[in-house]
């Protein structure tokens, strides 16, 4: 099935994939806000983009929380230490 093939890809390869990506984004917005795809397709571009940004941000936060819970369950500890490696992305010369 084309959808399964698209989901297993790591990147968008052609124009058909761009269409599939837009359908995926529409699905994510519809699912997040519990609305129909028809309602998503009727949104203005600006409202759609903002809705997508919020849906993806919330989904990311939920994934982080689930990962913390999974690690906590497997370690038997309620304490989770996270490391911030953002300093590695700095482009300063030393």
C-alpha atoms as a PDB file:
ATOM      1  CA  UNK A   1       0.000   0.000   0.000  1.00  0.00           C
ATOM      2  CA  UNK A   2       1.289   3.476  -0.898  1.00  0.00           C
ATOM      3  CA  UNK A   3       0.628   4.939   2.563  1.00  0.00           C
ATOM      4  CA  UNK A   4       2.697   2.245   4.292  1.00  0.00           C
ATOM      5  CA  UNK A   5       5.521   2.759   1.813  1.00  0.00           C
ATOM      6  CA  UNK A   6       5.433   6.518   2.383  1.00  0.00           C
ATOM      7  CA  UNK A   7       5.474   6.144   6.174  1.00  0.00           C
ATOM      8  CA  UNK A   8       8.508   3.854   6.022  1.00  0.00           C
ATOM      9  CA  UNK A   9      10.535   6.415   4.048  1.00  0.00           C
ATOM     10  CA  UNK A  10      12.950   8.709   5.847  1.00  0.00           C
ATOM     11  CA  UNK A  11      12.481  11.665   3.504  1.00  0.00           C
ATOM     12  CA  UNK A  12      10.288  13.141   0.779  1.00  0.00           C
ATOM     13  CA  UNK A  13      11.589  11.983  -2.605  1.00  0.00           C
ATOM     14  CA  UNK A  14       9.191  13.344  -5.230  1.00  0.00           C
ATOM     15  CA  UNK A  15       6.054  15.398  -5.915  1.00  0.00           C
ATOM     16  CA  UNK A  16       3.759  12.503  -4.995  1.00  0.00           C
ATOM     17  CA  UNK A  17       5.491  12.295  -1.606  1.00  0.00           C
ATOM     18  CA  UNK A  18       4.796  16.001  -1.026  1.00  0.00           C
ATOM     19  CA  UNK A  19       1.091  15.317  -1.543  1.00  0.00           C
ATOM     20  CA  UNK A  20       1.285  12.395   0.881  1.00  0.00           C
ATOM     21  CA  UNK A  21       3.072  14.611   3.424  1.00  0.00           C
ATOM     22  CA  UNK A  22       0.303  17.217   3.174  1.00  0.00           C
ATOM     23  CA  UNK A  23      -2.305  14.479   3.700  1.00  0.00           C
ATOM     24  CA  UNK A  24      -0.380  13.289   6.750  1.00  0.00           C
ATOM     25  CA  UNK A  25      -0.272  16.824   8.157  1.00  0.00           C
ATOM     26  CA  UNK A  26      -4.018  17.212   7.536  1.00  0.00           C
ATOM     27  CA  UNK A  27      -4.622  13.912   9.339  1.00  0.00           C
ATOM     28  CA  UNK A  28      -2.511  15.022  12.327  1.00  0.00           C
ATOM     29  CA  UNK A  29      -4.439  18.287  12.644  1.00  0.00           C
ATOM     30  CA  UNK A  30      -7.806  16.505  12.322  1.00  0.00           C
ATOM     31  CA  UNK A  31      -6.820  13.911  14.911  1.00  0.00           C
ATOM     32  CA  UNK A  32      -5.397  16.466  17.349  1.00  0.00           C
ATOM     33  CA  UNK A  33      -8.441  18.742  17.252  1.00  0.00           C
ATOM     34  CA  UNK A  34     -10.998  15.906  16.835  1.00  0.00           C
ATOM     35  CA  UNK A  35     -12.363  17.368  13.620  1.00  0.00           C
ATOM     36  CA  UNK A  36     -12.990  15.883  10.190  1.00  0.00           C
ATOM     37  CA  UNK A  37     -10.571  16.053   7.290  1.00  0.00           C
ATOM     38  CA  UNK A  38     -13.175  18.125   5.449  1.00  0.00           C
ATOM     39  CA  UNK A  39     -12.957  20.745   8.189  1.00  0.00           C
ATOM     40  CA  UNK A  40      -9.160  20.736   7.963  1.00  0.00           C
ATOM     41  CA  UNK A  41      -9.246  21.216   4.193  1.00  0.00           C
ATOM     42  CA  UNK A  42     -11.597  24.194   4.663  1.00  0.00           C
ATOM     43  CA  UNK A  43      -9.120  25.993   6.942  1.00  0.00           C
ATOM     44  CA  UNK A  44      -7.225  28.990   5.643  1.00  0.00           C
ATOM     45  CA  UNK A  45      -3.540  28.333   5.035  1.00  0.00           C
ATOM     46  CA  UNK A  46      -2.570  30.493   8.015  1.00  0.00           C
ATOM     47  CA  UNK A  47      -4.937  28.697  10.421  1.00  0.00           C
ATOM     48  CA  UNK A  48      -3.825  25.312   9.099  1.00  0.00           C
ATOM     49  CA  UNK A  49      -0.135  26.123   9.612  1.00  0.00           C
ATOM     50  CA  UNK A  50      -0.705  27.386  13.159  1.00  0.00           C
ATOM     51  CA  UNK A  51      -2.876  24.370  14.002  1.00  0.00           C
ATOM     52  CA  UNK A  52      -0.211  22.038  12.634  1.00  0.00           C
ATOM     53  CA  UNK A  53       2.542  23.721  14.650  1.00  0.00           C
ATOM     54  CA  UNK A  54       0.570  23.310  17.868  1.00  0.00           C
ATOM     55  CA  UNK A  55      -0.428  19.729  17.087  1.00  0.00           C
ATOM     56  CA  UNK A  56       3.199  18.750  16.384  1.00  0.00           C
ATOM     57  CA  UNK A  57       4.460  20.543  19.501  1.00  0.00           C
ATOM     58  CA  UNK A  58       1.936  18.824  21.755  1.00  0.00           C
ATOM     59  CA  UNK A  59       2.664  15.471  20.126  1.00  0.00           C
ATOM     60  CA  UNK A  60       6.370  15.987  20.790  1.00  0.00           C
ATOM     61  CA  UNK A  61       5.738  16.796  24.449  1.00  0.00           C
ATOM     62  CA  UNK A  62       3.533  13.717  24.810  1.00  0.00           C
ATOM     63  CA  UNK A  63       6.258  11.545  23.297  1.00  0.00           C
ATOM     64  CA  UNK A  64       8.796  12.956  25.771  1.00  0.00           C
ATOM     65  CA  UNK A  65       6.461  12.231  28.694  1.00  0.00           C
ATOM     66  CA  UNK A  66       5.855   8.688  27.460  1.00  0.00           C
ATOM     67  CA  UNK A  67       9.598   8.098  27.109  1.00  0.00           C
ATOM     68  CA  UNK A  68      10.200   9.363  30.651  1.00  0.00           C
ATOM     69  CA  UNK A  69       7.465   7.066  31.952  1.00  0.00           C
ATOM     70  CA  UNK A  70       8.900   4.110  30.027  1.00  0.00           C
ATOM     71  CA  UNK A  71      12.390   4.722  31.401  1.00  0.00           C
ATOM     72  CA  UNK A  72      11.049   5.197  34.911  1.00  0.00           C
ATOM     73  CA  UNK A  73       9.068   1.951  34.692  1.00  0.00           C
ATOM     74  CA  UNK A  74      12.017  -0.037  33.390  1.00  0.00           C
ATOM     75  CA  UNK A  75      14.505   1.367  35.915  1.00  0.00           C
ATOM     76  CA  UNK A  76      12.246   1.040  38.939  1.00  0.00           C
ATOM     77  CA  UNK A  77      13.110   4.601  39.902  1.00  0.00           C
ATOM     78  CA  UNK A  78      10.958   7.702  39.777  1.00  0.00           C
ATOM     79  CA  UNK A  79      14.007   9.889  39.228  1.00  0.00           C
ATOM     80  CA  UNK A  80      15.031  10.678  35.668  1.00  0.00           C
ATOM     81  CA  UNK A  81      18.106  12.692  34.843  1.00  0.00           C
ATOM     82  CA  UNK A  82      18.137  14.435  31.495  1.00  0.00           C
ATOM     83  CA  UNK A  83      21.225  15.907  29.878  1.00  0.00           C
ATOM     84  CA  UNK A  84      21.284  19.089  27.839  1.00  0.00           C
ATOM     85  CA  UNK A  85      23.715  18.754  24.943  1.00  0.00           C
ATOM     86  CA  UNK A  86      22.557  21.909  23.164  1.00  0.00           C
ATOM     87  CA  UNK A  87      25.951  23.485  23.795  1.00  0.00           C
ATOM     88  CA  UNK A  88      27.332  21.123  21.134  1.00  0.00           C
ATOM     89  CA  UNK A  89      25.370  23.044  18.515  1.00  0.00           C
ATOM     90  CA  UNK A  90      27.140  26.328  19.251  1.00  0.00           C
ATOM     91  CA  UNK A  91      29.317  27.509  16.400  1.00  0.00           C
ATOM     92  CA  UNK A  92      31.869  29.379  18.438  1.00  0.00           C
ATOM     93  CA  UNK A  93      35.561  28.796  17.878  1.00  0.00           C
ATOM     94  CA  UNK A  94      37.561  27.885  20.930  1.00  0.00           C
END
